[in-house]
PDB file of N, CA and C in Angstrom:
ATOM      1  N   UNK A   1      88.945   9.131  63.573  1.00  0.00           N
ATOM      2  CA  UNK A   1      88.780   8.973  62.132  1.00  0.00           C
ATOM      3  C   UNK A   1      88.419  10.660  61.072  1.00  0.00           C
ATOM      4  N   UNK A   2      89.438  10.867  60.425  1.00  0.00           N
ATOM      5  CA  UNK A   2      88.860  12.152  59.510  1.00  0.00           C
ATOM      6  C   UNK A   2      88.519  12.024  58.026  1.00  0.00           C
ATOM      7  N   UNK A   3      87.358  12.144  57.672  1.00  0.00           N
ATOM      8  CA  UNK A   3      86.895  12.246  56.408  1.00  0.00           C
ATOM      9  C   UNK A   3      87.316  13.229  55.673  1.00  0.00           C
ATOM     10  N   UNK A   4      87.616  13.117  54.428  1.00  0.00           N
ATOM     11  CA  UNK A   4      87.617  14.289  53.626  1.00  0.00           C
ATOM     12  C   UNK A   4      87.315  14.291  52.446  1.00  0.00           C
ATOM     13  N   UNK A   5      86.690  15.147  51.658  1.00  0.00           N
ATOM     14  CA  UNK A   5      86.188  14.480  50.532  1.00  0.00           C
ATOM     15  C   UNK A   5      87.151  15.136  49.295  1.00  0.00           C
ATOM     16  N   UNK A   6      86.878  14.397  48.347  1.00  0.00           N
ATOM     17  CA  UNK A   6      88.609  14.341  47.263  1.00  0.00           C
ATOM     18  C   UNK A   6      87.550  15.715  46.055  1.00  0.00           C
ATOM     19  N   UNK A   7      86.497  15.200  46.235  1.00  0.00           N
ATOM     20  CA  UNK A   7      86.018  16.109  45.131  1.00  0.00           C
ATOM     21  C   UNK A   7      85.733  17.785  45.677  1.00  0.00           C
ATOM     22  N   UNK A   8      86.323  18.753  44.535  1.00  0.00           N
ATOM     23  CA  UNK A   8      86.239  20.115  44.525  1.00  0.00           C
ATOM     24  C   UNK A   8      84.773  20.987  45.095  1.00  0.00           C
ATOM     25  N   UNK A   9      83.997  20.033  44.223  1.00  0.00           N
ATOM     26  CA  UNK A   9      82.703  21.112  44.705  1.00  0.00           C
ATOM     27  C   UNK A   9      81.841  19.722  45.019  1.00  0.00           C
ATOM     28  N   UNK A  10      81.907  19.296  46.341  1.00  0.00           N
ATOM     29  CA  UNK A  10      81.351  18.481  46.801  1.00  0.00           C
ATOM     30  C   UNK A  10      79.981  18.768  47.741  1.00  0.00           C
ATOM     31  N   UNK A  11      79.958  19.985  47.408  1.00  0.00           N
ATOM     32  CA  UNK A  11      77.800  20.227  47.980  1.00  0.00           C
ATOM     33  C   UNK A  11      77.624  19.865  46.722  1.00  0.00           C
ATOM     34  N   UNK A  12      77.581  20.469  45.461  1.00  0.00           N
ATOM     35  CA  UNK A  12      77.230  20.352  44.032  1.00  0.00           C
ATOM     36  C   UNK A  12      76.757  18.612  44.181  1.00  0.00           C
ATOM     37  N   UNK A  13      77.893  18.250  44.350  1.00  0.00           N
ATOM     38  CA  UNK A  13      77.970  16.737  43.950  1.00  0.00           C
ATOM     39  C   UNK A  13      76.782  15.914  44.672  1.00  0.00           C
ATOM     40  N   UNK A  14      77.021  16.265  45.924  1.00  0.00           N
ATOM     41  CA  UNK A  14      76.235  15.194  46.814  1.00  0.00           C
ATOM     42  C   UNK A  14      74.646  16.008  46.538  1.00  0.00           C
ATOM     43  N   UNK A  15      74.397  17.209  45.931  1.00  0.00           N
ATOM     44  CA  UNK A  15      72.880  17.447  45.419  1.00  0.00           C
ATOM     45  C   UNK A  15      72.668  16.984  44.406  1.00  0.00           C
ATOM     46  N   UNK A  16      73.549  16.624  43.660  1.00  0.00           N
ATOM     47  CA  UNK A  16      73.145  16.269  41.940  1.00  0.00           C
ATOM     48  C   UNK A  16      72.420  14.492  42.632  1.00  0.00           C
ATOM     49  N   UNK A  17      73.477  13.909  43.448  1.00  0.00           N
ATOM     50  CA  UNK A  17      73.290  12.290  43.860  1.00  0.00           C
ATOM     51  C   UNK A  17      71.997  12.145  44.352  1.00  0.00           C
ATOM     52  N   UNK A  18      71.799  13.304  45.517  1.00  0.00           N
ATOM     53  CA  UNK A  18      70.300  13.353  45.849  1.00  0.00           C
ATOM     54  C   UNK A  18      69.244  13.380  45.064  1.00  0.00           C
ATOM     55  N   UNK A  19      69.353  14.460  43.838  1.00  0.00           N
ATOM     56  CA  UNK A  19      68.203  14.659  42.820  1.00  0.00           C
ATOM     57  C   UNK A  19      67.990  13.320  41.906  1.00  0.00           C
ATOM     58  N   UNK A  20      69.328  12.846  42.242  1.00  0.00           N
ATOM     59  CA  UNK A  20      69.228  11.316  41.340  1.00  0.00           C
ATOM     60  C   UNK A  20      68.489  10.018  41.890  1.00  0.00           C
ATOM     61  N   UNK A  21      68.952   9.837  43.142  1.00  0.00           N
ATOM     62  CA  UNK A  21      68.079   9.559  43.664  1.00  0.00           C
ATOM     63  C   UNK A  21      66.471   9.505  44.010  1.00  0.00           C
ATOM     64  N   UNK A  22      66.206  10.687  43.539  1.00  0.00           N
ATOM     65  CA  UNK A  22      64.353  11.620  44.096  1.00  0.00           C
ATOM     66  C   UNK A  22      64.303  11.036  42.667  1.00  0.00           C
ATOM     67  N   UNK A  23      64.431  11.190  41.550  1.00  0.00           N
ATOM     68  CA  UNK A  23      64.345  10.776  40.193  1.00  0.00           C
ATOM     69  C   UNK A  23      63.890   9.557  39.769  1.00  0.00           C
ATOM     70  N   UNK A  24      64.525   8.534  40.614  1.00  0.00           N
ATOM     71  CA  UNK A  24      64.373   7.151  40.775  1.00  0.00           C
ATOM     72  C   UNK A  24      63.626   6.590  41.653  1.00  0.00           C
ATOM     73  N   UNK A  25      63.308   7.834  41.972  1.00  0.00           N
ATOM     74  CA  UNK A  25      62.454   6.958  43.415  1.00  0.00           C
ATOM     75  C   UNK A  25      62.867   6.288  44.601  1.00  0.00           C
ATOM     76  N   UNK A  26      64.012   6.408  44.495  1.00  0.00           N
ATOM     77  CA  UNK A  26      65.076   5.912  45.680  1.00  0.00           C
ATOM     78  C   UNK A  26      65.131   6.384  46.821  1.00  0.00           C
ATOM     79  N   UNK A  27      65.242   5.673  48.121  1.00  0.00           N
ATOM     80  CA  UNK A  27      64.751   6.406  48.949  1.00  0.00           C
ATOM     81  C   UNK A  27      64.206   7.336  49.861  1.00  0.00           C
ATOM     82  N   UNK A  28      63.246   7.788  49.063  1.00  0.00           N
ATOM     83  CA  UNK A  28      62.015   8.872  49.341  1.00  0.00           C
ATOM     84  C   UNK A  28      61.660   8.208  50.501  1.00  0.00           C
ATOM     85  N   UNK A  29      60.855   9.781  51.122  1.00  0.00           N
ATOM     86  CA  UNK A  29      60.524  10.107  52.500  1.00  0.00           C
ATOM     87  C   UNK A  29      59.071  10.928  52.380  1.00  0.00           C
ATOM     88  N   UNK A  30      58.641  11.034  51.415  1.00  0.00           N
ATOM     89  CA  UNK A  30      57.896  12.090  51.318  1.00  0.00           C
ATOM     90  C   UNK A  30      57.488  12.279  49.643  1.00  0.00           C
ATOM     91  N   UNK A  31      56.120  12.370  49.710  1.00  0.00           N
ATOM     92  CA  UNK A  31      55.169  12.915  48.581  1.00  0.00           C
ATOM     93  C   UNK A  31      54.513  14.179  48.273  1.00  0.00           C
ATOM     94  N   UNK A  32      54.603  14.624  47.330  1.00  0.00           N
ATOM     95  CA  UNK A  32      54.060  15.689  47.105  1.00  0.00           C
ATOM     96  C   UNK A  32      53.387  15.840  46.432  1.00  0.00           C
ATOM     97  N   UNK A  33      51.643  16.129  46.039  1.00  0.00           N
ATOM     98  CA  UNK A  33      50.774  15.998  44.985  1.00  0.00           C
ATOM     99  C   UNK A  33      50.118  16.809  45.041  1.00  0.00           C
ATOM    100  N   UNK A  34      49.948  17.197  43.612  1.00  0.00           N
ATOM    101  CA  UNK A  34      49.560  18.681  42.810  1.00  0.00           C
ATOM    102  C   UNK A  34      48.682  17.858  41.558  1.00  0.00           C
ATOM    103  N   UNK A  35      47.581  18.111  41.546  1.00  0.00           N
ATOM    104  CA  UNK A  35      46.719  18.041  40.442  1.00  0.00           C
ATOM    105  C   UNK A  35      46.320  16.639  40.303  1.00  0.00           C
ATOM    106  N   UNK A  36      46.879  15.372  41.427  1.00  0.00           N
ATOM    107  CA  UNK A  36      47.032  14.007  41.409  1.00  0.00           C
ATOM    108  C   UNK A  36      48.271  13.536  40.657  1.00  0.00           C
ATOM    109  N   UNK A  37      49.218  14.783  40.351  1.00  0.00           N
ATOM    110  CA  UNK A  37      50.901  14.218  40.033  1.00  0.00           C
ATOM    111  C   UNK A  37      51.060  13.628  41.185  1.00  0.00           C
ATOM    112  N   UNK A  38      52.187  12.872  41.566  1.00  0.00           N
ATOM    113  CA  UNK A  38      52.642  12.452  42.692  1.00  0.00           C
ATOM    114  C   UNK A  38      54.377  12.945  42.399  1.00  0.00           C
ATOM    115  N   UNK A  39      55.127  13.759  43.363  1.00  0.00           N
ATOM    116  CA  UNK A  39      56.513  13.653  43.167  1.00  0.00           C
ATOM    117  C   UNK A  39      56.947  13.284  44.826  1.00  0.00           C
ATOM    118  N   UNK A  40      58.191  12.558  44.387  1.00  0.00           N
ATOM    119  CA  UNK A  40      58.882  12.152  45.065  1.00  0.00           C
ATOM    120  C   UNK A  40      59.859  13.048  45.772  1.00  0.00           C
ATOM    121  N   UNK A  41      60.493  12.915  47.372  1.00  0.00           N
ATOM    122  CA  UNK A  41      61.474  13.791  47.744  1.00  0.00           C
ATOM    123  C   UNK A  41      61.813  13.331  48.831  1.00  0.00           C
ATOM    124  N   UNK A  42      63.200  13.744  49.413  1.00  0.00           N
ATOM    125  CA  UNK A  42      63.915  13.645  50.412  1.00  0.00           C
ATOM    126  C   UNK A  42      63.178  14.388  51.456  1.00  0.00           C
ATOM    127  N   UNK A  43      62.554  14.608  52.267  1.00  0.00           N
ATOM    128  CA  UNK A  43      62.214  15.324  53.604  1.00  0.00           C
ATOM    129  C   UNK A  43      63.056  16.264  53.969  1.00  0.00           C
ATOM    130  N   UNK A  44      64.253  15.458  54.171  1.00  0.00           N
ATOM    131  CA  UNK A  44      65.487  16.295  55.113  1.00  0.00           C
ATOM    132  C   UNK A  44      66.278  17.433  54.041  1.00  0.00           C
ATOM    133  N   UNK A  45      65.927  17.218  52.726  1.00  0.00           N
ATOM    134  CA  UNK A  45      66.671  18.570  51.656  1.00  0.00           C
ATOM    135  C   UNK A  45      65.379  19.197  51.669  1.00  0.00           C
ATOM    136  N   UNK A  46      63.735  19.119  51.398  1.00  0.00           N
ATOM    137  CA  UNK A  46      62.572  20.017  51.682  1.00  0.00           C
ATOM    138  C   UNK A  46      62.651  20.802  52.873  1.00  0.00           C
ATOM    139  N   UNK A  47      63.230  20.119  54.407  1.00  0.00           N
ATOM    140  CA  UNK A  47      63.065  20.645  55.239  1.00  0.00           C
ATOM    141  C   UNK A  47      64.033  21.602  55.409  1.00  0.00           C
ATOM    142  N   UNK A  48      65.308  21.839  54.573  1.00  0.00           N
ATOM    143  CA  UNK A  48      66.144  22.548  54.927  1.00  0.00           C
ATOM    144  C   UNK A  48      65.897  24.174  54.210  1.00  0.00           C
ATOM    145  N   UNK A  49      64.932  23.797  53.421  1.00  0.00           N
ATOM    146  CA  UNK A  49      64.633  24.618  52.493  1.00  0.00           C
ATOM    147  C   UNK A  49      63.114  25.452  53.077  1.00  0.00           C
ATOM    148  N   UNK A  50      62.396  24.713  53.654  1.00  0.00           N
ATOM    149  CA  UNK A  50      61.037  25.432  53.770  1.00  0.00           C
ATOM    150  C   UNK A  50      60.668  24.893  55.163  1.00  0.00           C
ATOM    151  N   UNK A  51      60.446  26.121  55.847  1.00  0.00           N
ATOM    152  CA  UNK A  51      60.211  25.982  57.259  1.00  0.00           C
ATOM    153  C   UNK A  51      58.722  25.342  57.613  1.00  0.00           C
ATOM    154  N   UNK A  52      57.946  25.207  56.453  1.00  0.00           N
ATOM    155  CA  UNK A  52      56.612  24.517  57.006  1.00  0.00           C
ATOM    156  C   UNK A  52      56.733  23.174  56.494  1.00  0.00           C
ATOM    157  N   UNK A  53      57.520  22.213  55.999  1.00  0.00           N
ATOM    158  CA  UNK A  53      57.822  21.186  55.938  1.00  0.00           C
ATOM    159  C   UNK A  53      59.074  20.803  57.203  1.00  0.00           C
ATOM    160  N   UNK A  54      59.727  21.566  57.540  1.00  0.00           N
ATOM    161  CA  UNK A  54      60.597  21.429  58.651  1.00  0.00           C
ATOM    162  C   UNK A  54      59.401  21.570  59.897  1.00  0.00           C
ATOM    163  N   UNK A  55      58.496  22.020  60.074  1.00  0.00           N
ATOM    164  CA  UNK A  55      57.836  22.190  61.152  1.00  0.00           C
ATOM    165  C   UNK A  55      56.849  20.950  61.258  1.00  0.00           C
ATOM    166  N   UNK A  56      56.357  20.504  60.111  1.00  0.00           N
ATOM    167  CA  UNK A  56      55.705  19.097  59.737  1.00  0.00           C
ATOM    168  C   UNK A  56      56.413  17.815  59.991  1.00  0.00           C
ATOM    169  N   UNK A  57      57.650  17.678  59.929  1.00  0.00           N
ATOM    170  CA  UNK A  57      58.243  16.569  60.166  1.00  0.00           C
ATOM    171  C   UNK A  57      58.783  16.615  61.476  1.00  0.00           C
ATOM    172  N   UNK A  58      59.084  18.146  62.056  1.00  0.00           N
ATOM    173  CA  UNK A  58      59.474  17.994  63.657  1.00  0.00           C
ATOM    174  C   UNK A  58      58.092  17.899  64.827  1.00  0.00           C
ATOM    175  N   UNK A  59      56.911  17.942  64.127  1.00  0.00           N
ATOM    176  CA  UNK A  59      55.949  17.631  65.208  1.00  0.00           C
ATOM    177  C   UNK A  59      56.097  16.272  65.767  1.00  0.00           C
ATOM    178  N   UNK A  60      55.562  16.276  67.194  1.00  0.00           N
ATOM    179  CA  UNK A  60      55.296  15.295  68.101  1.00  0.00           C
ATOM    180  C   UNK A  60      54.838  14.074  67.397  1.00  0.00           C
ATOM    181  N   UNK A  61      54.174  14.609  66.396  1.00  0.00           N
ATOM    182  CA  UNK A  61      53.178  13.110  65.888  1.00  0.00           C
ATOM    183  C   UNK A  61      54.363  12.273  64.543  1.00  0.00           C
ATOM    184  N   UNK A  62      55.209  12.913  64.247  1.00  0.00           N
ATOM    185  CA  UNK A  62      55.857  12.294  63.411  1.00  0.00           C
ATOM    186  C   UNK A  62      56.803  11.171  64.215  1.00  0.00           C
ATOM    187  N   UNK A  63      57.180  10.334  63.174  1.00  0.00           N
ATOM    188  CA  UNK A  63      57.963   9.499  63.631  1.00  0.00           C
ATOM    189  C   UNK A  63      58.996   9.363  62.735  1.00  0.00           C
ATOM    190  N   UNK A  64      60.645   8.861  62.953  1.00  0.00           N
ATOM    191  CA  UNK A  64      61.451   8.655  62.060  1.00  0.00           C
ATOM    192  C   UNK A  64      60.978   7.649  60.940  1.00  0.00           C
ATOM    193  N   UNK A  65      60.259   6.442  60.994  1.00  0.00           N
ATOM    194  CA  UNK A  65      59.584   5.523  59.993  1.00  0.00           C
ATOM    195  C   UNK A  65      58.744   6.403  59.308  1.00  0.00           C
ATOM    196  N   UNK A  66      57.914   6.716  59.688  1.00  0.00           N
ATOM    197  CA  UNK A  66      56.588   7.620  58.749  1.00  0.00           C
ATOM    198  C   UNK A  66      57.019   8.018  57.088  1.00  0.00           C
ATOM    199  N   UNK A  67      56.453   8.025  56.423  1.00  0.00           N
ATOM    200  CA  UNK A  67      56.364   8.511  55.179  1.00  0.00           C
ATOM    201  C   UNK A  67      55.347  10.034  55.592  1.00  0.00           C
ATOM    202  N   UNK A  68      55.688  10.844  54.523  1.00  0.00           N
ATOM    203  CA  UNK A  68      55.221  12.171  54.652  1.00  0.00           C
ATOM    204  C   UNK A  68      54.382  12.149  53.098  1.00  0.00           C
ATOM    205  N   UNK A  69      53.078  12.412  53.306  1.00  0.00           N
ATOM    206  CA  UNK A  69      52.465  13.080  52.075  1.00  0.00           C
ATOM    207  C   UNK A  69      51.214  14.042  52.106  1.00  0.00           C
ATOM    208  N   UNK A  70      51.782  14.848  51.020  1.00  0.00           N
ATOM    209  CA  UNK A  70      51.051  16.284  51.206  1.00  0.00           C
ATOM    210  C   UNK A  70      50.809  16.915  49.886  1.00  0.00           C
ATOM    211  N   UNK A  71      49.402  17.136  50.035  1.00  0.00           N
ATOM    212  CA  UNK A  71      48.846  17.688  49.028  1.00  0.00           C
ATOM    213  C   UNK A  71      48.802  19.168  49.124  1.00  0.00           C
ATOM    214  N   UNK A  72      49.508  19.425  47.737  1.00  0.00           N
ATOM    215  CA  UNK A  72      49.527  21.371  47.713  1.00  0.00           C
ATOM    216  C   UNK A  72      48.401  21.571  46.461  1.00  0.00           C
ATOM    217  N   UNK A  73      47.474  23.066  47.127  1.00  0.00           N
ATOM    218  CA  UNK A  73      46.583  23.752  46.501  1.00  0.00           C
ATOM    219  C   UNK A  73      47.046  23.528  44.801  1.00  0.00           C
ATOM    220  N   UNK A  74      46.686  23.345  43.972  1.00  0.00           N
ATOM    221  CA  UNK A  74      46.947  23.899  42.292  1.00  0.00           C
ATOM    222  C   UNK A  74      46.926  25.110  42.228  1.00  0.00           C
ATOM    223  N   UNK A  75      46.366  26.254  43.067  1.00  0.00           N
ATOM    224  CA  UNK A  75      46.463  27.737  42.529  1.00  0.00           C
ATOM    225  C   UNK A  75      47.123  28.563  43.746  1.00  0.00           C
ATOM    226  N   UNK A  76      47.646  27.570  44.540  1.00  0.00           N
ATOM    227  CA  UNK A  76      48.843  27.853  45.558  1.00  0.00           C
ATOM    228  C   UNK A  76      50.366  27.727  44.616  1.00  0.00           C
ATOM    229  N   UNK A  77      50.653  26.040  44.127  1.00  0.00           N
ATOM    230  CA  UNK A  77      51.582  25.776  43.412  1.00  0.00           C
ATOM    231  C   UNK A  77      51.027  25.142  42.039  1.00  0.00           C
ATOM    232  N   UNK A  78      51.879  25.899  40.443  1.00  0.00           N
ATOM    233  CA  UNK A  78      51.187  25.399  39.755  1.00  0.00           C
ATOM    234  C   UNK A  78      51.748  24.086  38.989  1.00  0.00           C
ATOM    235  N   UNK A  79      51.266  23.136  38.629  1.00  0.00           N
ATOM    236  CA  UNK A  79      52.091  21.766  38.483  1.00  0.00           C
ATOM    237  C   UNK A  79      53.221  21.360  37.606  1.00  0.00           C
ATOM    238  N   UNK A  80      53.457  22.782  36.678  1.00  0.00           N
ATOM    239  CA  UNK A  80      54.575  23.105  36.038  1.00  0.00           C
ATOM    240  C   UNK A  80      55.444  23.196  36.884  1.00  0.00           C
ATOM    241  N   UNK A  81      55.807  23.867  37.961  1.00  0.00           N
ATOM    242  CA  UNK A  81      57.198  24.420  38.670  1.00  0.00           C
ATOM    243  C   UNK A  81      57.631  23.549  39.461  1.00  0.00           C
ATOM    244  N   UNK A  82      56.824  22.208  39.824  1.00  0.00           N
ATOM    245  CA  UNK A  82      57.438  21.309  40.591  1.00  0.00           C
ATOM    246  C   UNK A  82      58.283  20.958  40.139  1.00  0.00           C
ATOM    247  N   UNK A  83      59.046  20.414  38.970  1.00  0.00           N
ATOM    248  CA  UNK A  83      59.837  19.506  38.477  1.00  0.00           C
ATOM    249  C   UNK A  83      61.106  20.630  38.667  1.00  0.00           C
ATOM    250  N   UNK A  84      61.375  22.096  38.461  1.00  0.00           N
ATOM    251  CA  UNK A  84      62.240  22.713  38.410  1.00  0.00           C
ATOM    252  C   UNK A  84      62.444  23.190  40.158  1.00  0.00           C
ATOM    253  N   UNK A  85      61.161  23.102  40.920  1.00  0.00           N
ATOM    254  CA  UNK A  85      61.356  23.887  41.961  1.00  0.00           C
ATOM    255  C   UNK A  85      62.590  22.001  42.902  1.00  0.00           C
ATOM    256  N   UNK A  86      61.785  20.716  42.648  1.00  0.00           N
ATOM    257  CA  UNK A  86      62.668  20.035  43.333  1.00  0.00           C
ATOM    258  C   UNK A  86      64.205  19.755  42.598  1.00  0.00           C
ATOM    259  N   UNK A  87      64.375  20.064  41.394  1.00  0.00           N
ATOM    260  CA  UNK A  87      65.869  19.979  40.921  1.00  0.00           C
ATOM    261  C   UNK A  87      66.650  20.834  41.212  1.00  0.00           C
TER     262      UNK A  87
END
């Protein structure tokens, strides 16, 4: 069976839908905390762009059913940067 997308910009469509799910806290499996503010995310999306996240979820200690919570130093990443970064 061959599946073909009928959308011209399927990659943009897919990212948009994943972002909508993230904003509704749907299917999240990762939470990032900055200054006690929690941002929900999809670890597969962040792992695709972050070698640090990829190494965390690829470790032998992580199971596919685990949820990942990361606290970020506010001196490293400012709170105002989180929404644009995740969008």
